Amino acid sequence: MNQHLLRQRLSELAEPSYCAFSKKLKVSDRLIFGIRTPKLQKLIKQLYEEEGIKALDDFFIYQEPSYEEIQIAFSLFGLLKLDYQSALLYLDRLRPFNDSWATNDNLAGWFSHLAQEKDFYRYLRSLLREQNPYDQRLGIVSLMNYYLEESSIGETLVELASVTNPHYYVVMALGWAYATAFCKDRNKTLPYLQPGILGEQVRRKAIQKCLESRLVSEEDKTLLKSLRKTP
């Protein structure tokens, strides 16, 4: 769909109050229409069913795409379930538009079919070494989503520990990932929450996330509180 027609549809679905709410959440520095998730998802489904990959290809000629247009493109990418090599080509074209925590976490949620490919782990690991903080966050959140199982969690914890970018949304993602890992495998993750391995901001954020989780036992929360006090 060309951008003019799409923006007409987005404007019809927009709610000023929800736009203000989205801006408070800092979902993007781009134009925000303010469309509630169920309505946006319905539009995405229609575009997928009516236009398929054309709707995604059209995105790349848009001028200054809005937050919602990017979310639509990312979701279409996931729904299309492209073959592995095609998916990587599209993903590399989409990544420059990944410039907020909200777009990032949406995109990272669409990789289940790619995670079945052995080489995808290597691709995500390479993102951790990029300079762009949102490339790094994409790698972090994706590794958290798909590679914290028994067979991969050890290697993933090591890879995540290599990220030292102090960017706020990188630190937040790392804290989230280590807290999730702790809930998956306490014994393998606990050493990383001791002082000395992770950056202190990341370590404390991970402990905070653990303390907020219902999946962590009260006994472990007491232990983690004591670790949080450790300089």
Protein backbone atom coordinates (compact mmCIF):
# COMPACT_ATOMS: atom_id res chain seq x y z
CA MET A 1 0.00 0.00 0.00
CA ASN A 2 1.39 3.40 -0.86
CA GLN A 3 2.23 5.63 2.06
CA HIS A 4 -0.48 8.21 1.42
CA LEU A 5 -3.28 5.63 1.55
CA LEU A 6 -1.79 3.91 4.57
CA ARG A 7 -1.55 7.18 6.45
CA GLN A 8 -5.17 7.88 5.68
CA ARG A 9 -6.10 4.60 7.33
CA LEU A 10 -3.81 5.25 10.27
CA SER A 11 -5.34 8.69 10.79
CA GLU A 12 -8.81 7.14 10.90
CA LEU A 13 -7.70 4.76 13.67
CA ALA A 14 -5.71 7.33 15.66
CA GLU A 15 -6.72 8.51 19.14
CA PRO A 16 -5.12 11.73 20.45
CA SER A 17 -5.23 10.50 24.05
CA TYR A 18 -3.46 7.27 23.12
CA CYS A 19 -0.89 9.25 21.14
CA ALA A 20 -0.14 11.29 24.27
CA PHE A 21 0.11 8.09 26.31
CA SER A 22 2.54 6.56 23.78
CA LYS A 23 4.72 9.65 23.86
CA LYS A 24 4.93 9.42 27.66
CA LEU A 25 6.13 5.84 27.27
CA LYS A 26 8.76 7.11 24.82
CA VAL A 27 7.93 4.43 22.29
CA SER A 28 9.54 6.49 19.52
CA ASP A 29 10.94 9.89 18.58
CA ARG A 30 9.21 9.60 15.20
CA LEU A 31 5.71 10.66 14.23
CA ILE A 32 3.20 8.75 16.37
CA PHE A 33 -0.43 8.45 15.29
CA GLY A 34 -1.58 6.84 18.52
CA ILE A 35 -3.32 3.59 17.59
CA ARG A 36 -4.28 0.95 20.12
CA THR A 37 -2.65 -2.44 19.61
CA PRO A 38 -5.78 -4.46 18.68
CA LYS A 39 -6.70 -1.96 15.95
CA LEU A 40 -3.15 -1.89 14.60
CA GLN A 41 -2.97 -5.68 14.62
CA LYS A 42 -6.22 -5.89 12.67
CA LEU A 43 -4.82 -3.53 10.03
CA ILE A 44 -1.60 -5.55 9.84
CA LYS A 45 -3.58 -8.74 9.31
CA GLN A 46 -5.54 -7.11 6.50
CA LEU A 47 -2.37 -5.91 4.77
CA TYR A 48 -0.79 -9.34 5.13
CA GLU A 49 -3.82 -11.12 3.70
CA GLU A 50 -4.54 -8.64 0.91
CA GLU A 51 -1.04 -7.63 -0.21
CA GLY A 52 1.48 -10.04 1.30
CA ILE A 53 5.10 -9.24 0.63
CA LYS A 54 4.16 -6.22 -1.52
CA ALA A 55 3.06 -4.40 1.64
CA LEU A 56 6.52 -4.95 3.09
CA ASP A 57 8.32 -3.96 -0.11
CA ASP A 58 6.31 -0.75 -0.31
CA PHE A 59 7.59 0.25 3.13
CA PHE A 60 11.13 0.75 1.85
CA ILE A 61 10.07 3.67 -0.36
CA TYR A 62 8.19 5.50 2.41
CA GLN A 63 9.44 8.96 3.38
CA GLU A 64 10.24 9.38 7.08
CA PRO A 65 8.09 6.43 8.21
CA SER A 66 6.10 6.86 11.40
CA TYR A 67 6.30 4.66 14.48
CA GLU A 68 3.21 2.74 13.40
CA GLU A 69 4.46 2.25 9.85
CA ILE A 70 7.63 0.71 11.22
CA GLN A 71 5.67 -1.54 13.55
CA ILE A 72 3.55 -2.66 10.60
CA ALA A 73 6.64 -3.48 8.53
CA PHE A 74 8.25 -5.42 11.38
CA SER A 75 5.08 -7.40 11.97
CA LEU A 76 4.64 -8.15 8.27
CA PHE A 77 8.20 -9.42 8.19
CA GLY A 78 7.36 -11.88 10.95
CA LEU A 79 4.03 -12.98 9.48
CA LEU A 80 5.55 -13.66 6.08
CA LYS A 81 7.97 -16.26 7.49
CA LEU A 82 10.40 -15.86 4.60
CA ASP A 83 13.01 -18.49 3.84
CA TYR A 84 16.18 -18.04 5.87
CA GLN A 85 18.40 -16.27 3.33
CA SER A 86 15.60 -13.95 2.17
CA ALA A 87 14.70 -13.20 5.78
CA LEU A 88 18.25 -12.10 6.58
CA LEU A 89 18.33 -9.80 3.56
CA TYR A 90 15.07 -8.17 4.62
CA LEU A 91 16.15 -8.03 8.24
CA ASP A 92 19.31 -6.12 7.33
CA ARG A 93 17.16 -3.63 5.40
CA LEU A 94 14.76 -3.25 8.32
CA ARG A 95 17.31 -2.82 11.08
CA PRO A 96 18.07 0.87 10.32
CA PHE A 97 14.44 1.63 11.21
CA ASN A 98 14.78 -0.08 14.58
CA ASP A 99 15.36 2.99 16.72
CA SER A 100 13.24 2.56 19.84
CA TRP A 101 12.72 -0.01 22.57
CA ALA A 102 9.17 -0.64 21.37
CA THR A 103 10.00 -1.31 17.72
CA ASN A 104 12.96 -3.39 18.84
CA ASP A 105 11.00 -5.69 21.11
CA ASN A 106 8.29 -6.16 18.50
CA LEU A 107 10.83 -7.19 15.87
CA ALA A 108 12.63 -9.53 18.28
CA GLY A 109 9.35 -11.30 18.94
CA TRP A 110 9.05 -12.52 15.33
CA PHE A 111 12.14 -14.73 15.08
CA SER A 112 10.82 -18.13 16.17
CA HIS A 113 11.07 -19.57 12.65
CA LEU A 114 14.58 -18.15 12.20
CA ALA A 115 15.78 -19.49 15.54
CA GLN A 116 15.39 -22.98 14.12
CA GLU A 117 18.34 -22.25 11.84
CA LYS A 118 21.74 -23.02 13.37
CA ASP A 119 23.38 -19.96 11.83
CA PHE A 120 20.88 -17.53 13.33
CA TYR A 121 22.60 -17.69 16.70
CA ARG A 122 25.76 -16.47 15.01
CA TYR A 123 23.84 -13.63 13.37
CA LEU A 124 22.40 -12.48 16.71
CA ARG A 125 25.78 -12.76 18.36
CA SER A 126 27.21 -10.46 15.69
CA LEU A 127 24.61 -7.83 16.62
CA LEU A 128 26.09 -7.64 20.11
CA ARG A 129 29.26 -6.28 18.54
CA GLU A 130 27.58 -3.54 16.51
CA GLN A 131 27.97 0.10 17.54
CA ASN A 132 24.25 0.92 17.23
CA PRO A 133 22.64 0.38 20.66
CA TYR A 134 19.40 -0.83 19.07
CA ASP A 135 21.27 -3.45 17.06
CA GLN A 136 22.74 -4.57 20.36
CA ARG A 137 19.35 -4.55 22.07
CA LEU A 138 17.89 -6.57 19.21
CA GLY A 139 20.60 -9.17 19.72
CA ILE A 140 20.13 -9.20 23.49
CA VAL A 141 16.34 -9.50 23.50
CA SER A 142 16.39 -12.10 20.74
CA LEU A 143 18.96 -14.24 22.56
CA MET A 144 16.80 -13.93 25.66
CA ASN A 145 13.69 -14.95 23.74
CA TYR A 146 15.09 -18.00 21.97
CA TYR A 147 18.41 -19.13 23.46
CA LEU A 148 18.00 -19.54 27.20
CA GLU A 149 17.19 -23.24 26.98
CA GLU A 150 19.37 -25.85 28.67
CA SER A 151 21.43 -26.49 25.53
CA SER A 152 22.27 -22.83 24.90
CA ILE A 153 21.95 -20.83 28.11
CA GLY A 154 25.58 -21.23 29.17
CA GLU A 155 26.95 -19.84 25.91
CA THR A 156 24.30 -17.11 25.81
CA LEU A 157 25.21 -15.88 29.30
CA VAL A 158 28.84 -15.58 28.23
CA GLU A 159 27.91 -13.69 25.06
CA LEU A 160 25.66 -11.26 26.92
CA ALA A 161 28.41 -10.52 29.42
CA SER A 162 30.58 -9.23 26.57
CA VAL A 163 28.26 -6.24 26.01
CA THR A 164 29.50 -3.16 27.85
CA ASN A 165 27.53 -0.37 26.17
CA PRO A 166 26.18 1.99 28.91
CA HIS A 167 23.22 3.08 26.74
CA TYR A 168 20.06 3.06 28.88
CA TYR A 169 18.08 0.66 26.71
CA VAL A 170 21.02 -1.72 26.36
CA VAL A 171 21.47 -1.83 30.13
CA MET A 172 17.75 -2.39 30.61
CA ALA A 173 17.74 -5.23 28.08
CA LEU A 174 20.73 -6.91 29.71
CA GLY A 175 19.15 -6.67 33.14
CA TRP A 176 15.93 -8.15 31.76
CA ALA A 177 17.84 -10.95 30.03
CA TYR A 178 19.84 -11.96 33.11
CA ALA A 179 16.72 -11.91 35.28
CA THR A 180 14.95 -14.13 32.76
CA ALA A 181 17.96 -16.43 32.69
CA PHE A 182 17.92 -16.64 36.48
CA CYS A 183 14.30 -17.84 36.35
CA LYS A 184 15.29 -20.41 33.72
CA ASP A 185 18.48 -21.69 35.36
CA ARG A 186 19.32 -20.27 38.76
CA ASN A 187 22.62 -22.10 39.21
CA LYS A 188 24.15 -21.08 35.90
CA THR A 189 23.03 -17.46 36.22
CA LEU A 190 23.76 -16.73 39.88
CA PRO A 191 27.55 -16.32 39.39
CA TYR A 192 26.87 -13.45 36.97
CA LEU A 193 24.93 -11.60 39.65
CA GLN A 194 27.94 -11.62 41.96
CA PRO A 195 30.12 -8.49 41.72
CA GLY A 196 32.89 -8.46 39.15
CA ILE A 197 31.54 -10.02 35.96
CA LEU A 198 28.82 -7.69 34.74
CA GLY A 199 28.85 -3.92 34.77
CA GLU A 200 27.41 -2.70 38.04
CA GLN A 201 24.40 -1.03 36.37
CA VAL A 202 23.51 -4.26 34.59
CA ARG A 203 24.06 -6.39 37.68
CA ARG A 204 21.81 -4.23 39.85
CA LYS A 205 19.14 -4.00 37.17
CA ALA A 206 19.12 -7.79 36.82
CA ILE A 207 18.78 -8.21 40.58
CA GLN A 208 15.96 -5.66 40.66
CA LYS A 209 14.11 -7.56 37.91
CA CYS A 210 14.57 -10.82 39.83
CA LEU A 211 13.17 -9.26 42.99
CA GLU A 212 10.10 -8.13 41.03
CA SER A 213 9.50 -11.60 39.61
CA ARG A 214 6.99 -14.08 41.02
CA LEU A 215 9.14 -16.89 39.64
CA VAL A 216 11.96 -16.23 42.10
CA SER A 217 11.66 -17.84 45.53
CA GLU A 218 11.64 -15.77 48.70
CA GLU A 219 14.83 -17.49 49.78
CA ASP A 220 16.57 -16.43 46.58
CA LYS A 221 15.19 -12.92 46.90
CA THR A 222 16.80 -12.65 50.33
CA LEU A 223 20.09 -13.81 48.82
CA LEU A 224 19.81 -11.37 45.95
CA LYS A 225 19.07 -8.48 48.29
CA SER A 226 22.31 -9.25 50.10
CA LEU A 227 24.16 -9.32 46.76
CA ARG A 228 22.65 -5.97 45.83
CA LYS A 229 24.26 -4.45 48.93
CA THR A 230 27.65 -5.84 47.97
CA PRO A 231 29.88 -3.05 46.60
